[in-house]
Amino acid sequence: MRNTIKDEKIASKLDPADKKKIEDAIEAAIHWLDNNQLAEADEFEDKMKELESLCNPIITKMYQGAGADMGARMDEDGPSVGGGSGAGPGPKTEEVD
């Protein structure tokens, strides 16, 4: 997420207040991680979900606001939807009887 908001293409489309919210949340999460390295796995997952719940709506809003411009770029560069059993870029597997 940190790298995403530092990308100029994305950062330029983010509202400055939203970008600040994400940056602050990332810094808080990193601070928590530094101070809780012996935490249980479920605590790490909870912290990740907390960060995602803040960031995902902002990023979604940004993509919706970008309109067809961003959608076309995702079609070219991003993973295709449907086809193959892979969930993203990389080799595809086929079922064999």
N, C-alpha and C. Protein backbone atom coordinates (compact mmCIF):
# COMPACT_ATOMS: atom_id res chain seq x y z
N MET A 1 0.83 -1.18 0.00
CA MET A 1 0.00 0.00 0.00
C MET A 1 0.88 1.25 0.00
N ARG A 2 1.94 1.20 0.77
CA ARG A 2 2.84 2.36 0.84
C ARG A 2 3.40 2.65 -0.55
N ASN A 3 3.85 1.62 -1.25
CA ASN A 3 4.38 1.82 -2.59
C ASN A 3 3.31 2.30 -3.56
N THR A 4 2.10 1.84 -3.37
CA THR A 4 0.99 2.24 -4.24
C THR A 4 0.75 3.73 -4.16
N ILE A 5 0.68 4.27 -2.95
CA ILE A 5 0.38 5.70 -2.82
C ILE A 5 1.58 6.58 -3.15
N LYS A 6 2.77 5.99 -3.22
CA LYS A 6 3.95 6.76 -3.63
C LYS A 6 4.11 6.79 -5.15
N ASP A 7 3.39 5.91 -5.84
CA ASP A 7 3.40 5.90 -7.31
C ASP A 7 2.74 7.18 -7.80
N GLU A 8 3.45 7.96 -8.62
CA GLU A 8 2.94 9.26 -9.07
C GLU A 8 1.61 9.15 -9.81
N LYS A 9 1.44 8.10 -10.61
CA LYS A 9 0.20 7.94 -11.36
C LYS A 9 -0.99 7.83 -10.42
N ILE A 10 -0.80 7.15 -9.32
CA ILE A 10 -1.89 6.95 -8.35
C ILE A 10 -1.97 8.14 -7.39
N ALA A 11 -0.84 8.57 -6.89
CA ALA A 11 -0.81 9.68 -5.93
C ALA A 11 -1.47 10.93 -6.49
N SER A 12 -1.31 11.17 -7.78
CA SER A 12 -1.89 12.36 -8.39
C SER A 12 -3.41 12.28 -8.46
N LYS A 13 -3.97 11.08 -8.41
CA LYS A 13 -5.41 10.91 -8.47
C LYS A 13 -6.07 10.86 -7.08
N LEU A 14 -5.25 10.72 -6.05
CA LEU A 14 -5.78 10.65 -4.68
C LEU A 14 -6.06 12.04 -4.13
N ASP A 15 -7.15 12.15 -3.41
CA ASP A 15 -7.44 13.37 -2.67
C ASP A 15 -6.36 13.53 -1.61
N PRO A 16 -5.79 14.72 -1.42
CA PRO A 16 -4.72 14.90 -0.42
C PRO A 16 -5.11 14.46 0.99
N ALA A 17 -6.36 14.69 1.37
CA ALA A 17 -6.81 14.27 2.71
C ALA A 17 -6.84 12.75 2.82
N ASP A 18 -7.29 12.08 1.74
CA ASP A 18 -7.32 10.62 1.74
C ASP A 18 -5.91 10.04 1.76
N LYS A 19 -5.01 10.67 0.99
CA LYS A 19 -3.62 10.21 0.97
C LYS A 19 -3.01 10.32 2.36
N LYS A 20 -3.31 11.42 3.05
CA LYS A 20 -2.80 11.63 4.42
C LYS A 20 -3.36 10.56 5.36
N LYS A 21 -4.64 10.22 5.22
CA LYS A 21 -5.25 9.18 6.06
C LYS A 21 -4.52 7.85 5.86
N ILE A 22 -4.26 7.51 4.60
CA ILE A 22 -3.58 6.25 4.31
C ILE A 22 -2.17 6.27 4.87
N GLU A 23 -1.44 7.36 4.65
CA GLU A 23 -0.07 7.46 5.16
C GLU A 23 -0.04 7.33 6.67
N ASP A 24 -0.97 8.01 7.36
CA ASP A 24 -1.02 7.93 8.82
C ASP A 24 -1.34 6.51 9.29
N ALA A 25 -2.27 5.86 8.61
CA ALA A 25 -2.65 4.49 8.98
C ALA A 25 -1.49 3.53 8.76
N ILE A 26 -0.75 3.72 7.69
CA ILE A 26 0.41 2.87 7.42
C ILE A 26 1.48 3.07 8.49
N GLU A 27 1.76 4.31 8.82
CA GLU A 27 2.75 4.60 9.87
C GLU A 27 2.32 4.00 11.21
N ALA A 28 1.03 4.10 11.53
CA ALA A 28 0.54 3.53 12.79
C ALA A 28 0.68 2.01 12.78
N ALA A 29 0.39 1.39 11.64
CA ALA A 29 0.50 -0.07 11.53
C ALA A 29 1.97 -0.51 11.66
N ILE A 30 2.86 0.22 11.04
CA ILE A 30 4.30 -0.10 11.14
C ILE A 30 4.77 0.06 12.57
N HIS A 31 4.34 1.12 13.21
CA HIS A 31 4.71 1.35 14.61
C HIS A 31 4.19 0.19 15.48
N TRP A 32 2.94 -0.23 15.23
CA TRP A 32 2.37 -1.34 15.98
C TRP A 32 3.18 -2.61 15.74
N LEU A 33 3.53 -2.87 14.48
CA LEU A 33 4.32 -4.07 14.16
C LEU A 33 5.68 -4.05 14.86
N ASP A 34 6.31 -2.90 14.88
CA ASP A 34 7.61 -2.78 15.54
C ASP A 34 7.51 -3.10 17.03
N ASN A 35 6.41 -2.72 17.63
CA ASN A 35 6.24 -2.90 19.08
C ASN A 35 5.55 -4.21 19.46
N ASN A 36 5.10 -4.97 18.49
CA ASN A 36 4.35 -6.20 18.78
C ASN A 36 4.84 -7.37 17.95
N GLN A 37 6.12 -7.52 17.84
CA GLN A 37 6.68 -8.59 17.01
C GLN A 37 6.37 -9.98 17.54
N LEU A 38 6.01 -10.09 18.80
CA LEU A 38 5.69 -11.39 19.37
C LEU A 38 4.18 -11.64 19.43
N ALA A 39 3.42 -10.82 18.73
CA ALA A 39 1.96 -10.97 18.73
C ALA A 39 1.56 -12.26 18.02
N GLU A 40 0.36 -12.72 18.32
CA GLU A 40 -0.17 -13.92 17.69
C GLU A 40 -0.57 -13.62 16.25
N ALA A 41 -0.66 -14.66 15.44
CA ALA A 41 -1.00 -14.50 14.03
C ALA A 41 -2.35 -13.81 13.85
N ASP A 42 -3.32 -14.13 14.69
CA ASP A 42 -4.64 -13.51 14.53
C ASP A 42 -4.60 -12.01 14.84
N GLU A 43 -3.69 -11.59 15.70
CA GLU A 43 -3.53 -10.16 15.97
C GLU A 43 -2.97 -9.43 14.75
N PHE A 44 -2.01 -10.08 14.06
CA PHE A 44 -1.47 -9.52 12.83
C PHE A 44 -2.56 -9.42 11.78
N GLU A 45 -3.37 -10.47 11.66
CA GLU A 45 -4.46 -10.48 10.68
C GLU A 45 -5.47 -9.38 10.99
N ASP A 46 -5.80 -9.20 12.27
CA ASP A 46 -6.73 -8.14 12.66
C ASP A 46 -6.18 -6.77 12.29
N LYS A 47 -4.91 -6.55 12.51
CA LYS A 47 -4.29 -5.27 12.18
C LYS A 47 -4.31 -5.05 10.66
N MET A 48 -4.05 -6.12 9.91
CA MET A 48 -4.09 -6.03 8.45
C MET A 48 -5.50 -5.69 7.96
N LYS A 49 -6.49 -6.36 8.53
CA LYS A 49 -7.89 -6.10 8.15
C LYS A 49 -8.28 -4.66 8.49
N GLU A 50 -7.81 -4.17 9.62
CA GLU A 50 -8.08 -2.79 10.02
C GLU A 50 -7.51 -1.81 8.99
N LEU A 51 -6.29 -2.06 8.57
CA LEU A 51 -5.65 -1.20 7.58
C LEU A 51 -6.39 -1.29 6.23
N GLU A 52 -6.73 -2.50 5.83
CA GLU A 52 -7.46 -2.69 4.58
C GLU A 52 -8.82 -2.00 4.61
N SER A 53 -9.51 -2.06 5.76
CA SER A 53 -10.84 -1.45 5.85
C SER A 53 -10.77 0.07 5.69
N LEU A 54 -9.64 0.66 6.02
CA LEU A 54 -9.47 2.09 5.82
C LEU A 54 -9.04 2.39 4.38
N CYS A 55 -8.10 1.61 3.86
CA CYS A 55 -7.51 1.90 2.55
C CYS A 55 -8.38 1.49 1.37
N ASN A 56 -9.01 0.34 1.44
CA ASN A 56 -9.76 -0.17 0.28
C ASN A 56 -10.85 0.78 -0.21
N PRO A 57 -11.68 1.36 0.67
CA PRO A 57 -12.70 2.28 0.15
C PRO A 57 -12.09 3.52 -0.52
N ILE A 58 -10.98 4.00 -0.02
CA ILE A 58 -10.33 5.17 -0.61
C ILE A 58 -9.79 4.83 -2.00
N ILE A 59 -9.14 3.68 -2.12
CA ILE A 59 -8.58 3.26 -3.41
C ILE A 59 -9.72 2.98 -4.40
N THR A 60 -10.79 2.35 -3.92
CA THR A 60 -11.94 2.07 -4.78
C THR A 60 -12.54 3.38 -5.30
N LYS A 61 -12.70 4.35 -4.41
CA LYS A 61 -13.24 5.65 -4.79
C LYS A 61 -12.35 6.31 -5.84
N MET A 62 -11.02 6.18 -5.66
CA MET A 62 -10.10 6.77 -6.60
C MET A 62 -10.26 6.14 -7.99
N TYR A 63 -10.36 4.80 -8.05
CA TYR A 63 -10.53 4.13 -9.34
C TYR A 63 -11.86 4.48 -9.98
N GLN A 64 -12.93 4.59 -9.18
CA GLN A 64 -14.23 4.97 -9.73
C GLN A 64 -14.18 6.39 -10.28
N GLY A 65 -13.47 7.27 -9.60
CA GLY A 65 -13.34 8.64 -10.05
C GLY A 65 -12.47 8.76 -11.29
N ALA A 66 -11.56 7.81 -11.49
CA ALA A 66 -10.66 7.85 -12.64
C ALA A 66 -11.40 7.51 -13.92
N GLY A 67 -12.51 6.80 -13.82
CA GLY A 67 -13.33 6.48 -14.97
C GLY A 67 -12.68 5.51 -15.94
N ALA A 68 -13.03 5.64 -17.18
CA ALA A 68 -12.59 4.70 -18.22
C ALA A 68 -11.09 4.74 -18.43
N ASP A 69 -10.47 5.88 -18.17
CA ASP A 69 -9.03 6.01 -18.35
C ASP A 69 -8.28 4.95 -17.56
N MET A 70 -8.59 4.83 -16.26
CA MET A 70 -7.92 3.88 -15.40
C MET A 70 -8.36 2.45 -15.74
N GLY A 71 -9.63 2.28 -16.08
CA GLY A 71 -10.13 0.94 -16.41
C GLY A 71 -9.45 0.38 -17.64
N ALA A 72 -9.23 1.20 -18.64
CA ALA A 72 -8.56 0.74 -19.86
C ALA A 72 -7.14 0.32 -19.55
N ARG A 73 -6.47 1.09 -18.70
CA ARG A 73 -5.09 0.75 -18.33
C ARG A 73 -5.04 -0.56 -17.57
N MET A 74 -6.01 -0.79 -16.70
CA MET A 74 -6.03 -2.04 -15.95
C MET A 74 -6.26 -3.22 -16.88
N ASP A 75 -7.08 -3.04 -17.93
CA ASP A 75 -7.31 -4.12 -18.88
C ASP A 75 -6.03 -4.49 -19.59
N GLU A 76 -5.21 -3.48 -19.90
CA GLU A 76 -3.96 -3.74 -20.60
C GLU A 76 -2.90 -4.34 -19.70
N ASP A 77 -2.75 -3.80 -18.50
CA ASP A 77 -1.64 -4.17 -17.63
C ASP A 77 -2.02 -5.17 -16.54
N GLY A 78 -3.26 -5.15 -16.11
CA GLY A 78 -3.67 -5.95 -14.96
C GLY A 78 -4.07 -7.35 -15.36
N PRO A 79 -4.36 -8.16 -14.36
CA PRO A 79 -4.78 -9.53 -14.64
C PRO A 79 -6.14 -9.53 -15.33
N SER A 80 -6.33 -10.46 -16.23
CA SER A 80 -7.62 -10.55 -16.92
C SER A 80 -8.61 -11.26 -16.01
N VAL A 81 -9.86 -10.89 -16.18
CA VAL A 81 -10.92 -11.51 -15.38
C VAL A 81 -11.45 -12.68 -16.17
N GLY A 82 -11.60 -13.81 -15.49
CA GLY A 82 -12.12 -15.00 -16.16
C GLY A 82 -11.02 -15.70 -16.94
N GLY A 83 -11.31 -16.88 -17.43
CA GLY A 83 -10.34 -17.62 -18.21
C GLY A 83 -9.23 -18.15 -17.35
N GLY A 84 -8.90 -19.40 -17.52
CA GLY A 84 -7.85 -20.01 -16.71
C GLY A 84 -8.26 -20.14 -15.27
N SER A 85 -7.49 -20.87 -14.49
CA SER A 85 -7.85 -21.03 -13.08
C SER A 85 -6.96 -20.20 -12.18
N GLY A 86 -6.06 -19.39 -12.78
CA GLY A 86 -5.18 -18.55 -11.97
C GLY A 86 -5.92 -17.32 -11.48
N ALA A 87 -5.50 -16.81 -10.35
CA ALA A 87 -6.14 -15.63 -9.79
C ALA A 87 -5.38 -14.36 -10.15
N GLY A 88 -4.34 -14.45 -10.90
CA GLY A 88 -3.57 -13.28 -11.24
C GLY A 88 -2.57 -13.61 -12.31
N PRO A 89 -1.59 -12.74 -12.46
CA PRO A 89 -0.58 -13.00 -13.49
C PRO A 89 0.24 -14.23 -13.13
N GLY A 90 0.77 -14.83 -14.13
CA GLY A 90 1.58 -16.01 -13.90
C GLY A 90 1.04 -17.18 -14.69
N PRO A 91 1.65 -18.33 -14.52
CA PRO A 91 1.22 -19.48 -15.30
C PRO A 91 -0.20 -19.91 -14.94
N LYS A 92 -0.92 -20.37 -15.93
CA LYS A 92 -2.28 -20.85 -15.73
C LYS A 92 -2.26 -22.38 -15.68
N THR A 93 -3.12 -22.93 -14.89
CA THR A 93 -3.22 -24.39 -14.82
C THR A 93 -4.52 -24.82 -15.46
N GLU A 94 -4.49 -25.97 -16.05
CA GLU A 94 -5.68 -26.52 -16.67
C GLU A 94 -6.03 -27.82 -15.99
N GLU A 95 -7.33 -28.09 -15.94
CA GLU A 95 -7.76 -29.37 -15.33
C GLU A 95 -7.44 -30.51 -16.27
N VAL A 96 -7.01 -31.60 -15.71
CA VAL A 96 -6.71 -32.79 -16.49
C VAL A 96 -7.55 -33.92 -15.92
N ASP A 97 -8.25 -34.63 -16.84
CA ASP A 97 -9.10 -35.74 -16.37
C ASP A 97 -8.27 -36.94 -16.05
